[in-house]
């Protein structure tokens, strides 16, 4: 007699409201008012979030800023999940680096300029 198995749940990707676009973008994670910064790779992205690759032993808080270097954009992020050197992020707010002038987050423009010059 066959068993009546429940329907399988859709995969995580199918439950997302937006389809993520694969990418290989340079990023910088920053927190603690710019005292802590490290490089990352943005593996895929939507308007609402991203998946980043991070150094294995790197630690960071549940909320931080992600600078997308090429696009000159800053995302305020919340960590949704972490596993095997990757983190899934939800974007709480997105701002152009040009809009940060004269704010306490202006240090991110300096981080971007230093990275762009190297």
Protein backbone atom coordinates (compact mmCIF):
# COMPACT_ATOMS: atom_id res chain seq x y z
CA UNK A 1 0.00 0.00 0.00
CA UNK A 2 1.59 3.38 -1.01
CA UNK A 3 2.23 5.95 1.69
CA UNK A 4 0.63 9.36 1.42
CA UNK A 5 3.65 11.65 1.78
CA UNK A 6 3.17 15.36 2.32
CA UNK A 7 4.04 17.58 -0.60
CA UNK A 8 7.63 18.77 -0.59
CA UNK A 9 8.17 22.35 0.43
CA UNK A 10 9.56 24.64 -2.26
CA UNK A 11 13.31 25.24 -2.09
CA UNK A 12 14.58 28.39 -0.38
CA UNK A 13 15.21 30.02 -3.77
CA UNK A 14 11.62 29.37 -4.86
CA UNK A 15 10.26 30.99 -1.68
CA UNK A 16 12.10 34.28 -2.28
CA UNK A 17 9.91 37.10 -3.60
CA UNK A 18 12.65 38.14 -6.08
CA UNK A 19 14.94 35.94 -8.12
CA UNK A 20 18.59 36.50 -7.20
CA UNK A 21 21.01 37.46 -9.96
CA UNK A 22 24.35 35.66 -9.88
CA UNK A 23 27.26 38.03 -9.49
CA UNK A 24 30.91 38.20 -8.58
CA UNK A 25 31.09 41.72 -7.16
CA UNK A 26 33.61 43.25 -4.78
CA UNK A 27 32.18 44.40 -1.48
CA UNK A 28 33.29 45.65 1.90
CA UNK A 29 31.60 44.88 5.19
CA UNK A 30 31.93 47.64 7.76
CA UNK A 31 30.67 48.09 11.31
CA UNK A 32 31.64 49.66 14.63
CA UNK A 33 31.63 53.13 12.99
CA UNK A 34 34.24 52.07 10.45
CA UNK A 35 36.71 50.64 12.97
CA UNK A 36 36.06 47.15 11.57
CA UNK A 37 36.21 46.55 7.81
CA UNK A 38 36.83 43.48 5.68
CA UNK A 39 36.48 42.52 2.02
CA UNK A 40 33.84 40.11 0.75
CA UNK A 41 32.49 38.82 -2.54
CA UNK A 42 28.84 39.37 -3.41
CA UNK A 43 27.79 36.04 -4.97
CA UNK A 44 24.21 36.90 -5.85
CA UNK A 45 21.92 39.84 -5.29
CA UNK A 46 18.36 41.19 -5.51
CA UNK A 47 16.89 44.56 -4.63
CA UNK A 48 16.05 43.12 -1.18
CA UNK A 49 19.18 41.17 -0.26
CA UNK A 50 22.33 39.30 -1.19
CA UNK A 51 24.49 36.28 -0.53
CA UNK A 52 28.11 37.09 0.30
CA UNK A 53 31.22 34.99 0.66
CA UNK A 54 33.23 35.88 3.74
CA UNK A 55 36.55 34.76 5.22
CA UNK A 56 35.97 31.54 7.22
CA UNK A 57 36.91 32.86 10.66
CA UNK A 58 35.51 36.37 10.19
CA UNK A 59 32.95 37.52 12.76
CA UNK A 60 30.55 40.41 12.48
CA UNK A 61 27.37 41.65 14.15
CA UNK A 62 23.82 40.79 13.05
CA UNK A 63 23.48 44.26 11.45
CA UNK A 64 26.20 46.09 9.50
CA UNK A 65 26.85 48.03 6.29
CA UNK A 66 27.83 46.50 2.96
CA UNK A 67 29.54 48.72 0.40
CA UNK A 68 29.08 47.64 -3.22
CA UNK A 69 32.30 48.97 -4.66
CA UNK A 70 31.48 49.12 -8.37
CA UNK A 71 28.03 50.64 -7.91
CA UNK A 72 29.10 53.08 -5.16
CA UNK A 73 26.13 52.01 -3.03
CA UNK A 74 25.83 51.25 0.68
CA UNK A 75 23.32 48.79 2.11
CA UNK A 76 22.35 48.62 5.74
CA UNK A 77 22.05 44.84 6.20
CA UNK A 78 20.68 42.26 8.57
CA UNK A 79 22.10 38.74 8.56
CA UNK A 80 19.39 36.18 7.76
CA UNK A 81 21.62 33.07 7.75
CA UNK A 82 25.29 32.03 7.86
CA UNK A 83 26.86 28.76 6.73
CA UNK A 84 30.20 27.53 5.39
CA UNK A 85 31.80 30.91 4.76
CA UNK A 86 28.68 32.52 3.31
CA UNK A 87 25.98 34.79 4.68
CA UNK A 88 22.50 35.63 3.43
CA UNK A 89 21.60 39.27 3.92
CA UNK A 90 18.43 41.30 3.93
CA UNK A 91 18.79 44.95 2.89
CA UNK A 92 17.17 47.30 5.40
CA UNK A 93 18.14 50.50 3.61
CA UNK A 94 20.14 51.40 0.48
CA UNK A 95 21.90 54.71 -0.09
CA UNK A 96 24.27 56.07 -2.72
CA UNK A 97 27.73 56.91 -1.36
CA UNK A 98 27.23 60.45 -2.66
CA UNK A 99 24.30 60.92 -0.28
CA UNK A 100 26.45 60.23 2.81
CA UNK A 101 28.33 63.54 2.74
CA UNK A 102 28.25 65.27 6.10
CA UNK A 103 26.76 62.32 7.98
CA UNK A 104 28.23 60.00 10.59
CA UNK A 105 28.42 57.39 7.79
CA UNK A 106 30.61 59.62 5.61
CA UNK A 107 33.60 57.41 6.53
CA UNK A 108 32.29 54.89 3.97
CA UNK A 109 33.09 57.32 1.15
CA UNK A 110 36.67 57.37 2.42
CA UNK A 111 36.77 53.56 2.50
CA UNK A 112 35.51 53.47 -1.06
CA UNK A 113 38.04 56.09 -2.22
CA UNK A 114 40.92 54.20 -0.57
CA UNK A 115 39.86 50.96 -2.24
CA UNK A 116 39.27 52.60 -5.62
CA UNK A 117 42.74 54.15 -5.54
CA UNK A 118 44.50 50.82 -4.95
